[in-house]
C-alpha atoms as a PDB file:
ATOM      1  CA  MET A   1    -212.666  13.163 -15.869  1.00  0.00           C
ATOM      2  CA  LYS A   2    -216.440  13.118 -15.570  1.00  0.00           C
ATOM      3  CA  THR A   3    -218.311  15.406 -17.936  1.00  0.00           C
ATOM      4  CA  LYS A   4    -221.637  16.991 -17.175  1.00  0.00           C
ATOM      5  CA  SER A   5    -224.312  17.797 -19.726  1.00  0.00           C
ATOM      6  CA  LEU A   6    -226.453  20.907 -19.618  1.00  0.00           C
ATOM      7  CA  ALA A   7    -229.415  18.646 -18.836  1.00  0.00           C
ATOM      8  CA  ASP A   8    -227.644  17.640 -15.590  1.00  0.00           C
ATOM      9  CA  SER A   9    -227.144  21.265 -14.523  1.00  0.00           C
ATOM     10  CA  THR A  10    -229.339  23.567 -12.530  1.00  0.00           C
ATOM     11  CA  ILE A  11    -230.632  26.373 -14.706  1.00  0.00           C
ATOM     12  CA  THR A  12    -230.461  29.822 -13.170  1.00  0.00           C
ATOM     13  CA  GLN A  13    -232.317  32.731 -14.677  1.00  0.00           C
ATOM     14  CA  VAL A  14    -230.186  35.815 -15.281  1.00  0.00           C
ATOM     15  CA  SER A  15    -231.025  39.195 -16.706  1.00  0.00           C
ATOM     16  CA  ALA A  16    -229.239  40.837 -19.600  1.00  0.00           C
ATOM     17  CA  ARG A  17    -229.245  44.434 -20.682  1.00  0.00           C
ATOM     18  CA  GLY A  18    -227.535  46.432 -23.357  1.00  0.00           C
ATOM     19  CA  SER A  19    -223.997  47.433 -22.498  1.00  0.00           C
ATOM     20  CA  THR A  20    -222.139  50.625 -23.202  1.00  0.00           C
ATOM     21  CA  ALA A  21    -218.891  48.612 -23.536  1.00  0.00           C
ATOM     22  CA  ARG A  22    -217.211  49.096 -26.897  1.00  0.00           C
ATOM     23  CA  LEU A  23    -214.406  47.384 -28.725  1.00  0.00           C
ATOM     24  CA  TYR A  24    -211.409  49.434 -29.811  1.00  0.00           C
ATOM     25  CA  ILE A  25    -208.727  48.341 -32.257  1.00  0.00           C
ATOM     26  CA  GLY A  26    -205.917  50.805 -31.689  1.00  0.00           C
ATOM     27  CA  ASP A  27    -207.645  54.186 -31.633  1.00  0.00           C
ATOM     28  CA  LEU A  28    -210.479  53.010 -33.890  1.00  0.00           C
ATOM     29  CA  LYS A  29    -213.816  52.513 -32.124  1.00  0.00           C
ATOM     30  CA  MET A  30    -215.668  49.540 -33.573  1.00  0.00           C
ATOM     31  CA  GLY A  31    -219.437  49.047 -33.726  1.00  0.00           C
ATOM     32  CA  GLY A  32    -221.466  46.117 -32.454  1.00  0.00           C
ATOM     33  CA  ALA A  33    -223.976  45.503 -29.732  1.00  0.00           C
ATOM     34  CA  GLY A  34    -222.682  44.698 -26.278  1.00  0.00           C
ATOM     35  CA  TYR A  35    -224.536  42.918 -23.486  1.00  0.00           C
ATOM     36  CA  HIS A  36    -224.129  43.162 -19.727  1.00  0.00           C
ATOM     37  CA  ILE A  37    -224.873  39.827 -18.018  1.00  0.00           C
ATOM     38  CA  GLY A  38    -224.048  38.940 -14.430  1.00  0.00           C
ATOM     39  CA  GLY A  39    -221.452  41.672 -13.991  1.00  0.00           C
ATOM     40  CA  SER A  40    -219.615  40.939 -17.256  1.00  0.00           C
ATOM     41  CA  ASN A  41    -219.752  42.481 -20.720  1.00  0.00           C
ATOM     42  CA  TYR A  42    -220.186  40.301 -23.801  1.00  0.00           C
ATOM     43  CA  LEU A  43    -219.910  40.945 -27.523  1.00  0.00           C
ATOM     44  CA  LYS A  44    -221.152  38.628 -30.278  1.00  0.00           C
ATOM     45  CA  LEU A  45    -218.436  36.558 -31.910  1.00  0.00           C
ATOM     46  CA  HIS A  46    -220.076  37.349 -35.276  1.00  0.00           C
ATOM     47  CA  ASP A  47    -219.601  41.098 -34.642  1.00  0.00           C
ATOM     48  CA  ILE A  48    -215.973  40.682 -33.555  1.00  0.00           C
ATOM     49  CA  ALA A  49    -215.192  38.486 -36.567  1.00  0.00           C
ATOM     50  CA  ARG A  50    -216.754  41.101 -38.878  1.00  0.00           C
ATOM     51  CA  MET A  51    -214.741  43.911 -37.262  1.00  0.00           C
ATOM     52  CA  LEU A  52    -211.461  41.989 -37.497  1.00  0.00           C
ATOM     53  CA  ASN A  53    -212.252  40.353 -40.874  1.00  0.00           C
ATOM     54  CA  LEU A  54    -211.860  36.801 -39.527  1.00  0.00           C
ATOM     55  CA  GLY A  55    -213.445  33.684 -40.927  1.00  0.00           C
ATOM     56  CA  VAL A  56    -215.799  31.906 -38.508  1.00  0.00           C
ATOM     57  CA  VAL A  57    -217.312  28.489 -39.176  1.00  0.00           C
ATOM     58  CA  TRP A  58    -219.632  26.218 -37.185  1.00  0.00           C
ATOM     59  CA  ASP A  59    -218.677  22.526 -37.200  1.00  0.00           C
ATOM     60  CA  GLY A  60    -221.920  20.761 -36.321  1.00  0.00           C
ATOM     61  CA  ARG A  61    -220.197  17.367 -36.221  1.00  0.00           C
ATOM     62  CA  THR A  62    -218.053  18.390 -33.244  1.00  0.00           C
ATOM     63  CA  ASN A  63    -220.258  21.276 -31.981  1.00  0.00           C
ATOM     64  CA  THR A  64    -217.292  23.605 -32.327  1.00  0.00           C
ATOM     65  CA  VAL A  65    -216.851  27.179 -33.522  1.00  0.00           C
ATOM     66  CA  LEU A  66    -213.712  27.543 -35.624  1.00  0.00           C
ATOM     67  CA  ILE A  67    -211.990  30.913 -36.067  1.00  0.00           C
ATOM     68  CA  ASP A  68    -209.881  31.045 -39.232  1.00  0.00           C
ATOM     69  CA  THR A  69    -207.376  33.896 -39.321  1.00  0.00           C
ATOM     70  CA  THR A  70    -206.377  32.983 -42.900  1.00  0.00           C
ATOM     71  CA  SER A  71    -209.841  33.582 -44.425  1.00  0.00           C
ATOM     72  CA  ASP A  72    -212.027  36.666 -44.682  1.00  0.00           C
ATOM     73  CA  PHE A  73    -215.261  37.255 -42.809  1.00  0.00           C
ATOM     74  CA  ASN A  74    -218.315  35.793 -44.562  1.00  0.00           C
ATOM     75  CA  PRO A  75    -221.538  37.641 -43.733  1.00  0.00           C
ATOM     76  CA  SER A  76    -223.594  34.584 -44.692  1.00  0.00           C
ATOM     77  CA  SER A  77    -221.753  32.430 -42.148  1.00  0.00           C
ATOM     78  CA  ASP A  78    -223.779  30.122 -39.885  1.00  0.00           C
ATOM     79  CA  ILE A  79    -222.491  32.055 -36.856  1.00  0.00           C
ATOM     80  CA  LYS A  80    -224.843  34.891 -35.932  1.00  0.00           C
END
């Protein structure tokens, strides 16, 4: 399998705007800023982790975001 780096890709400019999409957990409406990009809505992982009280860690060695359901959210996490 051949992998492709971002440097090998064509960069396309897209526009983003605030989204009215919201996250609900059961009947509870959660906060957080949403973004509408290219026909899809996005929420920040940091916001979702805070809402669900999930631990999130950045592993710079493997360039991986790890979501830990056994630890609590840490507001000083590297993930913003």
